[in-house]
N, C-alpha and C. Protein backbone atom coordinates (compact mmCIF):
# COMPACT_ATOMS: atom_id res chain seq x y z
N UNK A 1 83.60 -114.25 0.18
CA UNK A 1 83.50 -113.24 2.13
C UNK A 1 82.23 -112.47 1.87
N UNK A 2 82.43 -111.40 1.69
CA UNK A 2 81.68 -110.35 1.24
C UNK A 2 79.60 -111.46 1.22
N UNK A 3 79.76 -112.26 0.33
CA UNK A 3 78.39 -112.91 0.15
C UNK A 3 78.25 -113.75 1.45
N UNK A 4 79.36 -114.52 2.66
CA UNK A 4 78.77 -115.32 3.42
C UNK A 4 78.80 -114.16 4.60
N UNK A 5 79.56 -113.27 4.80
CA UNK A 5 79.44 -112.48 5.75
C UNK A 5 77.76 -112.10 6.41
N UNK A 6 77.14 -111.58 5.66
CA UNK A 6 76.05 -111.02 5.95
C UNK A 6 74.84 -112.36 6.72
N UNK A 7 75.23 -113.47 6.79
CA UNK A 7 74.62 -114.32 6.96
C UNK A 7 75.56 -114.97 8.63
N UNK A 8 76.31 -114.29 8.76
CA UNK A 8 77.19 -114.17 10.34
C UNK A 8 75.92 -114.44 11.62
N UNK A 9 76.47 -115.56 12.24
CA UNK A 9 75.12 -116.01 13.35
C UNK A 9 76.27 -116.02 14.43
N UNK A 10 77.59 -116.12 14.04
CA UNK A 10 78.79 -115.99 15.39
C UNK A 10 78.23 -115.62 16.65
N UNK A 11 77.47 -114.33 17.07
CA UNK A 11 76.78 -114.18 18.07
C UNK A 11 75.89 -113.26 17.86
N UNK A 12 75.87 -112.78 18.98
CA UNK A 12 74.51 -112.13 19.33
C UNK A 12 73.94 -110.84 18.71
N UNK A 13 75.38 -110.54 18.38
CA UNK A 13 75.21 -108.95 17.87
C UNK A 13 74.39 -108.99 16.63
N UNK A 14 74.11 -110.08 15.71
CA UNK A 14 73.79 -109.78 14.06
C UNK A 14 72.26 -109.08 14.86
N UNK A 15 71.34 -109.92 15.78
CA UNK A 15 70.08 -109.63 16.03
C UNK A 15 69.71 -108.20 16.12
N UNK A 16 70.39 -107.42 16.92
CA UNK A 16 69.98 -105.94 17.16
C UNK A 16 70.52 -104.94 15.85
N UNK A 17 71.76 -105.30 15.25
CA UNK A 17 72.35 -104.67 14.35
C UNK A 17 71.17 -104.01 13.10
N UNK A 18 71.73 -103.00 12.58
CA UNK A 18 71.21 -103.16 10.99
C UNK A 18 71.12 -103.94 10.10
N UNK A 19 73.17 -104.16 10.28
CA UNK A 19 73.47 -105.10 9.14
C UNK A 19 75.24 -105.17 9.35
N UNK A 20 75.57 -105.79 8.97
CA UNK A 20 76.86 -106.33 9.09
C UNK A 20 78.01 -105.43 8.44
N UNK A 21 78.73 -105.17 8.54
CA UNK A 21 79.45 -104.14 7.87
C UNK A 21 81.12 -104.53 7.41
N UNK A 22 81.33 -104.75 6.53
CA UNK A 22 82.57 -105.42 5.87
C UNK A 22 83.59 -104.82 5.46
N UNK A 23 85.04 -105.03 5.45
CA UNK A 23 85.71 -104.20 5.22
C UNK A 23 85.52 -103.48 3.74
N UNK A 24 86.17 -102.64 3.54
CA UNK A 24 86.07 -101.81 2.06
C UNK A 24 87.42 -101.57 1.85
N UNK A 25 87.91 -101.81 0.15
CA UNK A 25 89.23 -101.52 -0.14
C UNK A 25 90.02 -101.81 -1.18
N UNK A 26 90.82 -101.62 -1.61
CA UNK A 26 91.39 -102.49 -2.49
C UNK A 26 91.69 -103.82 -2.08
N UNK A 27 91.37 -104.99 -2.52
CA UNK A 27 92.07 -106.16 -2.47
C UNK A 27 93.45 -106.12 -2.16
N UNK A 28 93.99 -105.96 -3.06
CA UNK A 28 95.58 -106.34 -2.81
C UNK A 28 96.33 -104.86 -2.25
N UNK A 29 95.75 -104.46 -1.05
CA UNK A 29 96.14 -103.06 -0.59
C UNK A 29 97.37 -103.20 -0.04
N UNK A 30 98.12 -102.47 0.19
CA UNK A 30 99.53 -102.69 0.59
C UNK A 30 99.55 -102.62 2.25
N UNK A 31 98.28 -101.07 2.75
CA UNK A 31 98.08 -101.05 4.55
C UNK A 31 96.46 -101.69 4.40
N UNK A 32 96.67 -101.92 5.50
CA UNK A 32 94.79 -102.66 6.33
C UNK A 32 95.15 -101.73 7.52
N UNK A 33 94.20 -100.91 7.48
CA UNK A 33 93.38 -100.13 8.98
C UNK A 33 92.88 -101.19 9.61
N UNK A 34 92.80 -101.67 10.96
CA UNK A 34 91.76 -102.53 11.56
C UNK A 34 91.19 -101.71 12.88
N UNK A 35 89.89 -101.48 12.79
CA UNK A 35 89.68 -100.45 13.65
C UNK A 35 88.58 -101.84 15.00
N UNK A 36 87.49 -100.73 15.54
CA UNK A 36 87.48 -101.71 16.77
C UNK A 36 85.98 -102.39 16.22
N UNK A 37 85.07 -101.84 16.14
CA UNK A 37 83.55 -101.56 15.80
C UNK A 37 82.88 -100.99 15.17
N UNK A 38 81.71 -101.31 13.95
CA UNK A 38 81.11 -100.13 13.24
C UNK A 38 80.41 -99.46 14.85
N UNK A 39 80.10 -98.56 14.33
CA UNK A 39 79.30 -97.17 15.03
C UNK A 39 77.88 -97.34 14.33
N UNK A 40 77.40 -96.22 15.27
CA UNK A 40 75.63 -96.23 14.47
C UNK A 40 75.49 -95.52 13.04
N UNK A 41 76.91 -94.63 12.82
CA UNK A 41 76.26 -94.49 11.61
C UNK A 41 76.61 -95.64 10.00
N UNK A 42 77.98 -96.22 10.89
CA UNK A 42 78.45 -97.11 10.00
C UNK A 42 77.67 -98.31 9.90
N UNK A 43 76.47 -98.83 11.20
CA UNK A 43 75.80 -99.47 11.18
C UNK A 43 74.20 -98.90 10.32
N UNK A 44 74.39 -98.18 10.42
CA UNK A 44 72.88 -97.14 8.99
C UNK A 44 73.64 -97.62 7.69
N UNK A 45 74.70 -97.21 7.30
CA UNK A 45 74.95 -96.77 6.03
C UNK A 45 75.71 -98.15 5.51
N UNK A 46 76.14 -98.90 6.62
CA UNK A 46 76.96 -100.30 5.77
C UNK A 46 78.30 -99.88 5.53
N UNK A 47 78.75 -99.36 5.96
CA UNK A 47 80.60 -99.17 5.19
C UNK A 47 81.10 -98.34 6.41
N UNK A 48 82.19 -98.67 6.48
CA UNK A 48 82.98 -98.55 7.66
C UNK A 48 83.40 -96.76 7.73
N UNK A 49 84.09 -96.41 8.62
CA UNK A 49 84.60 -95.38 9.13
C UNK A 49 84.03 -94.15 8.21
N UNK A 50 82.22 -94.14 8.67
CA UNK A 50 81.87 -92.95 7.68
C UNK A 50 80.79 -91.66 8.77
N UNK A 51 81.17 -92.23 10.12
CA UNK A 51 80.73 -90.87 10.71
C UNK A 51 81.89 -90.23 11.55
N UNK A 52 81.80 -89.60 12.61
CA UNK A 52 82.41 -88.72 13.13
C UNK A 52 83.76 -89.31 12.88
N UNK A 53 83.71 -90.47 13.88
CA UNK A 53 85.97 -90.91 13.66
C UNK A 53 86.25 -91.52 12.51
N UNK A 54 85.24 -91.66 11.34
CA UNK A 54 85.68 -91.38 10.06
C UNK A 54 86.50 -90.54 9.42
N UNK A 55 85.60 -89.31 9.53
CA UNK A 55 85.68 -87.77 9.17
C UNK A 55 87.30 -87.91 9.63
N UNK A 56 87.65 -87.94 11.40
CA UNK A 56 88.74 -87.48 11.78
C UNK A 56 89.57 -88.71 10.77
N UNK A 57 89.45 -90.01 11.33
CA UNK A 57 90.84 -90.67 10.23
C UNK A 57 90.71 -90.02 8.81
N UNK A 58 89.78 -89.76 7.71
CA UNK A 58 90.10 -89.30 7.02
C UNK A 58 90.95 -88.07 6.63
N UNK A 59 90.75 -87.53 7.61
CA UNK A 59 91.80 -86.13 7.46
C UNK A 59 93.47 -86.08 8.45
N UNK A 60 93.40 -87.29 9.23
CA UNK A 60 94.45 -87.90 9.86
C UNK A 60 95.57 -88.28 8.14
N UNK A 61 94.41 -89.22 7.99
CA UNK A 61 95.23 -89.73 6.66
C UNK A 61 95.74 -88.84 5.49
N UNK A 62 95.19 -87.69 5.38
CA UNK A 62 95.37 -86.79 4.54
C UNK A 62 96.77 -86.10 4.91
N UNK A 63 97.00 -85.49 5.87
CA UNK A 63 97.46 -84.90 6.76
C UNK A 63 99.07 -85.39 6.76
N UNK A 64 98.73 -86.97 6.75
CA UNK A 64 100.30 -88.03 7.08
C UNK A 64 100.21 -88.09 5.66
N UNK A 65 99.50 -88.08 4.26
CA UNK A 65 100.14 -88.12 2.96
C UNK A 65 99.34 -90.06 2.69
N UNK A 66 98.87 -90.08 3.26
CA UNK A 66 98.09 -91.54 3.13
C UNK A 66 96.74 -91.15 2.39
N UNK A 67 96.58 -92.30 1.01
CA UNK A 67 95.20 -91.86 0.12
C UNK A 67 94.38 -92.67 0.87
N UNK A 68 92.63 -92.79 1.31
CA UNK A 68 92.03 -93.40 1.73
C UNK A 68 91.79 -94.39 1.08
N UNK A 69 91.46 -93.86 -0.72
CA UNK A 69 91.22 -95.09 -1.44
C UNK A 69 92.41 -96.20 -1.72
N UNK A 70 93.96 -96.19 -1.53
CA UNK A 70 94.78 -96.94 -1.66
C UNK A 70 94.92 -98.02 -0.51
N UNK A 71 93.98 -97.23 0.65
CA UNK A 71 94.07 -98.85 1.73
C UNK A 71 92.92 -99.22 2.15
N UNK A 72 93.33 -100.92 2.82
CA UNK A 72 92.09 -101.27 2.97
C UNK A 72 91.46 -101.17 4.79
N UNK A 73 90.58 -101.09 4.82
CA UNK A 73 89.87 -100.25 6.34
C UNK A 73 88.86 -101.27 6.22
N UNK A 74 88.68 -102.10 7.76
CA UNK A 74 87.58 -103.18 8.33
C UNK A 74 87.95 -102.68 9.79
N UNK A 75 87.24 -103.71 10.70
CA UNK A 75 86.86 -103.79 12.20
C UNK A 75 87.33 -105.10 11.94
N UNK A 76 87.66 -105.08 13.77
CA UNK A 76 87.75 -106.37 14.56
C UNK A 76 86.27 -107.26 14.76
N UNK A 77 85.47 -106.62 15.08
CA UNK A 77 84.14 -106.98 14.89
C UNK A 77 83.33 -106.24 13.88
N UNK A 78 82.14 -106.99 13.37
CA UNK A 78 81.44 -106.45 12.50
C UNK A 78 80.19 -106.29 12.33
N UNK A 79 79.56 -106.18 13.50
CA UNK A 79 78.51 -105.92 13.71
C UNK A 79 78.41 -104.55 14.71
N UNK A 80 77.31 -103.67 14.78
CA UNK A 80 77.36 -102.61 15.84
C UNK A 80 76.52 -103.34 17.23
N UNK A 81 77.48 -102.76 18.22
CA UNK A 81 77.23 -103.57 19.31
C UNK A 81 76.72 -101.73 20.66
N UNK A 82 75.37 -101.89 20.88
CA UNK A 82 74.71 -100.51 21.88
C UNK A 82 73.46 -101.39 22.43
N UNK A 83 73.27 -99.55 23.18
CA UNK A 83 72.54 -100.14 23.82
C UNK A 83 71.60 -98.78 24.28
N UNK A 84 70.60 -98.80 24.26
CA UNK A 84 69.45 -97.92 24.04
C UNK A 84 69.37 -96.96 24.80
N UNK A 85 69.59 -95.60 24.49
CA UNK A 85 69.06 -94.51 25.86
C UNK A 85 68.24 -93.68 25.12
N UNK A 86 66.52 -93.99 25.38
CA UNK A 86 65.52 -93.11 24.80
C UNK A 86 65.82 -93.74 22.80
N UNK A 87 65.80 -92.79 21.79
CA UNK A 87 65.94 -93.40 20.44
C UNK A 87 67.35 -93.11 20.46
N UNK A 88 68.01 -92.53 21.35
CA UNK A 88 69.59 -93.13 20.29
C UNK A 88 70.32 -94.05 20.97
N UNK A 89 71.34 -94.86 19.76
CA UNK A 89 71.69 -95.93 20.50
C UNK A 89 73.22 -95.41 21.10
N UNK A 90 73.53 -96.11 21.62
CA UNK A 90 74.89 -95.45 22.32
C UNK A 90 76.07 -96.59 22.05
N UNK A 91 77.21 -96.50 21.63
CA UNK A 91 78.20 -97.48 21.58
C UNK A 91 79.00 -98.28 22.75
N UNK A 92 78.69 -99.32 22.83
CA UNK A 92 79.06 -100.18 23.92
C UNK A 92 80.33 -101.21 22.96
N UNK A 93 81.31 -101.36 24.30
CA UNK A 93 82.58 -101.89 23.78
C UNK A 93 81.78 -103.62 23.41
N UNK A 94 82.65 -103.95 22.43
CA UNK A 94 82.47 -105.37 22.44
C UNK A 94 83.34 -106.18 23.71
N UNK A 95 82.53 -107.51 23.49
CA UNK A 95 83.14 -108.16 24.46
C UNK A 95 83.63 -109.57 23.77
N UNK A 96 84.82 -109.99 24.92
CA UNK A 96 85.95 -110.78 24.02
C UNK A 96 85.26 -111.66 23.52
N UNK A 97 83.86 -112.37 23.77
CA UNK A 97 83.11 -112.86 23.05
C UNK A 97 82.71 -112.50 21.41
N UNK A 98 82.31 -111.64 21.41
CA UNK A 98 82.30 -110.93 20.04
C UNK A 98 83.42 -110.77 19.38
N UNK A 99 84.66 -110.46 19.78
CA UNK A 99 85.60 -110.41 19.42
C UNK A 99 86.29 -111.92 18.48
N UNK A 100 86.35 -112.84 19.54
CA UNK A 100 86.45 -114.27 19.09
C UNK A 100 85.65 -114.43 18.16
N UNK A 101 84.04 -114.22 18.24
CA UNK A 101 83.27 -114.47 17.01
C UNK A 101 83.72 -114.34 16.05
N UNK A 102 84.23 -112.75 15.56
CA UNK A 102 84.50 -112.11 14.63
C UNK A 102 86.11 -112.20 14.05
N UNK A 103 86.73 -113.43 15.00
CA UNK A 103 88.25 -113.51 14.13
C UNK A 103 88.73 -113.74 12.98
N UNK A 104 87.52 -114.92 12.81
CA UNK A 104 87.56 -115.64 11.14
C UNK A 104 87.82 -114.77 10.68
N UNK A 105 86.64 -113.83 10.61
CA UNK A 105 86.26 -113.01 9.19
C UNK A 105 88.39 -112.23 9.07
N UNK A 106 87.99 -111.77 10.29
CA UNK A 106 89.42 -110.67 10.07
C UNK A 106 90.29 -111.34 9.83
N UNK A 107 90.73 -112.76 9.98
CA UNK A 107 91.82 -113.08 9.52
C UNK A 107 91.72 -113.82 8.04
N UNK A 108 90.40 -114.08 7.32
CA UNK A 108 90.02 -113.89 6.07
C UNK A 108 90.47 -112.91 5.59
N UNK A 109 90.15 -112.09 5.84
CA UNK A 109 90.25 -110.92 5.34
C UNK A 109 92.01 -110.64 4.89
N UNK A 110 92.71 -110.87 6.40
CA UNK A 110 94.07 -110.45 6.58
C UNK A 110 94.75 -111.74 5.20
N UNK A 111 94.42 -112.97 5.02
CA UNK A 111 94.84 -113.76 3.87
C UNK A 111 94.38 -113.59 2.82
N UNK A 112 93.12 -112.66 2.70
CA UNK A 112 93.23 -112.44 0.81
C UNK A 112 93.63 -111.23 0.77
N UNK A 113 93.52 -110.08 1.63
CA UNK A 113 94.40 -108.72 1.05
C UNK A 113 95.48 -108.77 0.90
N UNK A 114 96.64 -109.27 2.36
CA UNK A 114 98.00 -110.11 2.46
C UNK A 114 98.58 -108.83 2.16
N UNK A 115 98.20 -107.33 3.66
CA UNK A 115 99.03 -106.80 3.83
C UNK A 115 100.29 -106.38 3.86
N UNK A 116 101.03 -105.32 3.40
CA UNK A 116 102.56 -105.57 3.98
C UNK A 116 102.46 -104.70 5.49
N UNK A 117 101.55 -104.30 5.67
CA UNK A 117 101.68 -103.44 7.28
C UNK A 117 100.04 -103.33 7.67
N UNK A 118 99.85 -103.46 8.80
CA UNK A 118 98.83 -103.60 9.00
C UNK A 118 98.47 -102.16 10.56
N UNK A 119 97.56 -101.59 10.30
CA UNK A 119 97.88 -100.26 12.01
C UNK A 119 96.73 -100.69 12.44
N UNK A 120 96.60 -100.87 13.85
CA UNK A 120 95.87 -101.83 14.75
C UNK A 120 95.00 -100.49 15.43
N UNK A 121 94.25 -99.93 15.24
CA UNK A 121 93.56 -98.69 16.19
C UNK A 121 92.63 -99.20 16.91
N UNK A 122 93.08 -98.73 18.18
CA UNK A 122 92.36 -98.85 19.51
C UNK A 122 92.39 -100.37 20.13
N UNK A 123 91.85 -100.23 20.90
CA UNK A 123 91.94 -101.95 22.26
C UNK A 123 91.39 -102.84 22.14
N UNK A 124 90.47 -102.65 21.09
CA UNK A 124 89.46 -103.70 20.42
C UNK A 124 90.35 -104.72 19.49
N UNK A 125 90.65 -104.15 18.52
CA UNK A 125 91.13 -104.41 17.80
C UNK A 125 93.07 -104.91 17.84
N UNK A 126 93.62 -104.23 18.74
CA UNK A 126 94.38 -104.47 19.27
C UNK A 126 94.39 -106.06 20.23
N UNK A 127 93.35 -105.91 20.64
CA UNK A 127 92.97 -107.72 21.38
C UNK A 127 93.22 -108.54 20.64
N UNK A 128 91.72 -108.38 19.45
CA UNK A 128 92.21 -109.46 18.78
C UNK A 128 93.09 -109.96 17.70
N UNK A 129 93.92 -108.87 17.48
CA UNK A 129 95.12 -109.25 16.78
C UNK A 129 96.41 -109.28 17.38
N UNK A 130 96.88 -108.20 18.66
CA UNK A 130 98.10 -108.82 19.58
C UNK A 130 97.72 -109.60 20.97
N UNK A 131 96.32 -109.69 20.95
CA UNK A 131 96.36 -110.38 22.78
C UNK A 131 96.01 -109.59 23.60
N UNK A 132 95.22 -109.99 24.43
CA UNK A 132 94.74 -109.06 25.56
C UNK A 132 95.74 -108.41 26.92
N UNK A 133 96.70 -109.24 26.76
CA UNK A 133 97.75 -108.09 27.16
C UNK A 133 98.20 -106.78 26.53
N UNK A 134 98.06 -106.70 25.45
CA UNK A 134 98.42 -105.39 24.40
C UNK A 134 98.04 -104.27 24.90
N UNK A 135 98.93 -103.02 25.16
CA UNK A 135 98.85 -101.89 25.53
C UNK A 135 99.27 -100.73 24.29
N UNK A 136 97.94 -100.73 23.94
CA UNK A 136 97.79 -99.69 22.77
C UNK A 136 98.62 -98.63 23.06
N UNK A 137 98.63 -97.83 24.39
CA UNK A 137 99.12 -96.65 24.73
C UNK A 137 100.75 -96.66 24.93
N UNK A 138 100.83 -98.17 25.30
CA UNK A 138 102.57 -98.02 25.78
C UNK A 138 103.62 -98.59 24.73
N UNK A 139 102.78 -98.78 23.28
CA UNK A 139 103.55 -98.85 21.98
C UNK A 139 102.89 -98.65 20.92
N UNK A 140 102.32 -97.48 20.90
CA UNK A 140 101.57 -96.29 19.74
C UNK A 140 102.78 -96.33 19.19
N UNK A 141 102.69 -96.36 17.39
CA UNK A 141 103.43 -95.43 16.70
C UNK A 141 104.81 -96.47 16.67
N UNK A 142 105.08 -97.48 17.16
CA UNK A 142 105.93 -98.44 16.84
C UNK A 142 105.69 -99.68 15.96
N UNK A 143 107.09 -100.55 15.41
CA UNK A 143 106.57 -101.85 14.65
C UNK A 143 106.53 -102.52 15.61
N UNK A 144 105.59 -103.33 15.64
CA UNK A 144 105.38 -104.64 16.44
C UNK A 144 104.94 -105.54 15.42
N UNK A 145 104.81 -106.92 15.79
CA UNK A 145 104.61 -108.19 14.80
C UNK A 145 103.31 -108.99 15.35
N UNK A 146 102.50 -108.93 14.50
CA UNK A 146 101.26 -109.97 14.39
C UNK A 146 101.88 -111.28 14.59
N UNK A 147 100.81 -112.13 15.15
CA UNK A 147 101.53 -113.14 15.31
C UNK A 147 101.84 -114.33 14.06
N UNK A 148 101.55 -113.82 12.72
CA UNK A 148 101.73 -114.53 11.37
C UNK A 148 103.23 -113.91 11.00
N UNK A 149 104.17 -112.83 12.43
CA UNK A 149 105.04 -111.80 11.64
C UNK A 149 105.00 -110.66 10.38
N UNK A 150 103.68 -110.61 10.34
CA UNK A 150 103.55 -109.53 9.70
C UNK A 150 103.76 -107.93 10.54
N UNK A 151 103.91 -106.93 9.75
CA UNK A 151 104.55 -105.70 10.65
C UNK A 151 103.64 -105.61 10.72
N UNK A 152 103.13 -104.59 12.24
CA UNK A 152 101.98 -103.48 12.83
C UNK A 152 102.33 -102.83 12.99
N UNK A 153 101.53 -101.22 12.93
CA UNK A 153 101.79 -100.05 13.87
C UNK A 153 100.10 -100.03 14.91
N UNK A 154 100.45 -100.02 16.26
CA UNK A 154 99.14 -99.46 17.02
C UNK A 154 98.81 -97.79 16.75
N UNK A 155 97.98 -97.72 17.28
CA UNK A 155 97.43 -96.20 17.37
C UNK A 155 95.77 -96.17 17.99
N UNK A 156 95.70 -95.19 18.81
CA UNK A 156 94.44 -94.82 19.04
C UNK A 156 93.32 -95.43 17.89
N UNK A 157 92.13 -95.38 18.72
CA UNK A 157 91.13 -95.48 18.22
C UNK A 157 90.77 -93.66 17.28
N UNK A 158 90.43 -93.73 16.06
CA UNK A 158 89.71 -92.02 15.72
C UNK A 158 88.63 -91.85 16.66
N UNK A 159 87.67 -92.53 17.06
CA UNK A 159 86.86 -92.06 18.21
C UNK A 159 87.58 -91.41 19.61
N UNK A 160 88.96 -92.21 19.61
CA UNK A 160 88.76 -91.09 20.96
C UNK A 160 89.66 -89.92 20.63
N UNK A 161 90.60 -89.81 19.67
CA UNK A 161 90.45 -88.39 19.03
C UNK A 161 89.57 -87.42 19.01
N UNK A 162 88.09 -87.93 18.16
CA UNK A 162 86.85 -87.01 18.53
C UNK A 162 86.38 -86.73 19.40
N UNK A 163 86.55 -87.39 21.01
CA UNK A 163 85.73 -86.83 22.11
C UNK A 163 87.11 -86.38 23.09
N UNK A 164 88.45 -86.39 22.61
CA UNK A 164 89.53 -85.88 23.01
C UNK A 164 89.15 -84.53 23.62
N UNK A 165 89.49 -83.82 24.83
CA UNK A 165 89.67 -82.43 25.60
C UNK A 165 91.17 -82.13 25.28
N UNK A 166 91.99 -82.49 24.38
CA UNK A 166 92.80 -82.26 23.75
C UNK A 166 93.00 -82.28 22.40
N UNK A 167 91.79 -81.92 21.49
CA UNK A 167 91.80 -82.68 20.48
C UNK A 167 93.37 -82.41 19.43
N UNK A 168 93.82 -81.22 19.34
CA UNK A 168 94.55 -80.79 18.91
C UNK A 168 96.12 -81.37 18.38
N UNK A 169 96.43 -81.72 19.89
CA UNK A 169 97.08 -82.47 20.60
C UNK A 169 97.51 -84.11 20.52
N UNK A 170 95.89 -84.29 20.40
CA UNK A 170 96.04 -85.69 20.05
C UNK A 170 95.54 -86.38 18.50
N UNK A 171 94.92 -85.21 18.19
CA UNK A 171 94.88 -85.45 16.97
C UNK A 171 96.58 -85.44 15.95
N UNK A 172 97.27 -84.73 16.21
CA UNK A 172 98.50 -84.38 15.71
C UNK A 172 99.65 -85.98 16.03
N UNK A 173 99.55 -86.65 17.30
CA UNK A 173 99.84 -87.31 17.89
C UNK A 173 98.97 -88.85 16.72
N UNK A 174 98.10 -88.62 16.27
CA UNK A 174 97.19 -89.66 16.02
C UNK A 174 97.87 -90.01 14.46
N UNK A 175 98.54 -88.50 13.70
CA UNK A 175 99.09 -87.93 12.56
C UNK A 175 100.06 -88.90 12.67
N UNK A 176 100.42 -88.84 13.53
CA UNK A 176 101.87 -89.13 13.77
C UNK A 176 102.37 -90.31 13.64
N UNK A 177 101.47 -91.21 14.38
CA UNK A 177 101.31 -92.72 14.24
C UNK A 177 101.12 -93.23 12.51
N UNK A 178 100.47 -92.41 12.02
CA UNK A 178 100.22 -93.08 10.64
C UNK A 178 101.07 -92.53 9.93
N UNK A 179 101.71 -91.26 10.04
CA UNK A 179 103.76 -91.06 9.37
C UNK A 179 104.74 -92.13 9.67
N UNK A 180 104.36 -92.33 11.03
CA UNK A 180 105.47 -94.02 11.29
C UNK A 180 104.81 -95.27 10.30
N UNK A 181 103.76 -95.65 9.99
CA UNK A 181 103.44 -96.68 9.59
C UNK A 181 103.78 -96.36 7.98
N UNK A 182 103.52 -95.15 7.42
CA UNK A 182 104.13 -94.79 6.20
C UNK A 182 105.71 -95.03 6.17
N UNK A 183 106.20 -94.81 6.55
CA UNK A 183 108.01 -94.81 6.87
C UNK A 183 108.10 -96.64 6.62
N UNK A 184 107.50 -96.67 7.89
CA UNK A 184 107.74 -98.34 7.67
C UNK A 184 107.04 -99.37 6.36
N UNK A 185 106.22 -98.66 5.86
CA UNK A 185 105.76 -99.77 4.43
C UNK A 185 107.05 -99.25 3.48
N UNK A 186 107.54 -97.60 3.32
CA UNK A 186 108.91 -98.08 2.71
C UNK A 186 107.94 -97.14 1.47
């Protein structure tokens, strides 16, 4: 899969992105974290969750007692979608067509890793895995099921915590969602 992913031309996002950003982590991880899409830092580095949202995620995982090295991290969309503002590249939410184009890659990751639990981070990941009508804010921290029956826990994307006006409160809620996931995992 890692060899095939760089050749993906399922949508137009590959044209402007620096590179595809594949998932990372143990192939048989018990927990998989699915985010939305690579950001600017991830696009440049070619690795998932290495920017500001990644630092918040790392801190939240540590506070919840989860080792990042033990989980598989990926995104629902594998190329960075952005618009230019001068020299800056500003994140733009992937369209439904981008989510659909990347869904075979995400399904394949789920088949390969076979996680016991999936943490669904943010609306794009929820749309990809739980359907367009699913609302993360209504079910965050709860046990839900993916279409294949696999248990999942929805939460916000760490970038929303980064941007929060109430950082401490929202960070603690984010950590609590990971604690709930860890309890479900057993």
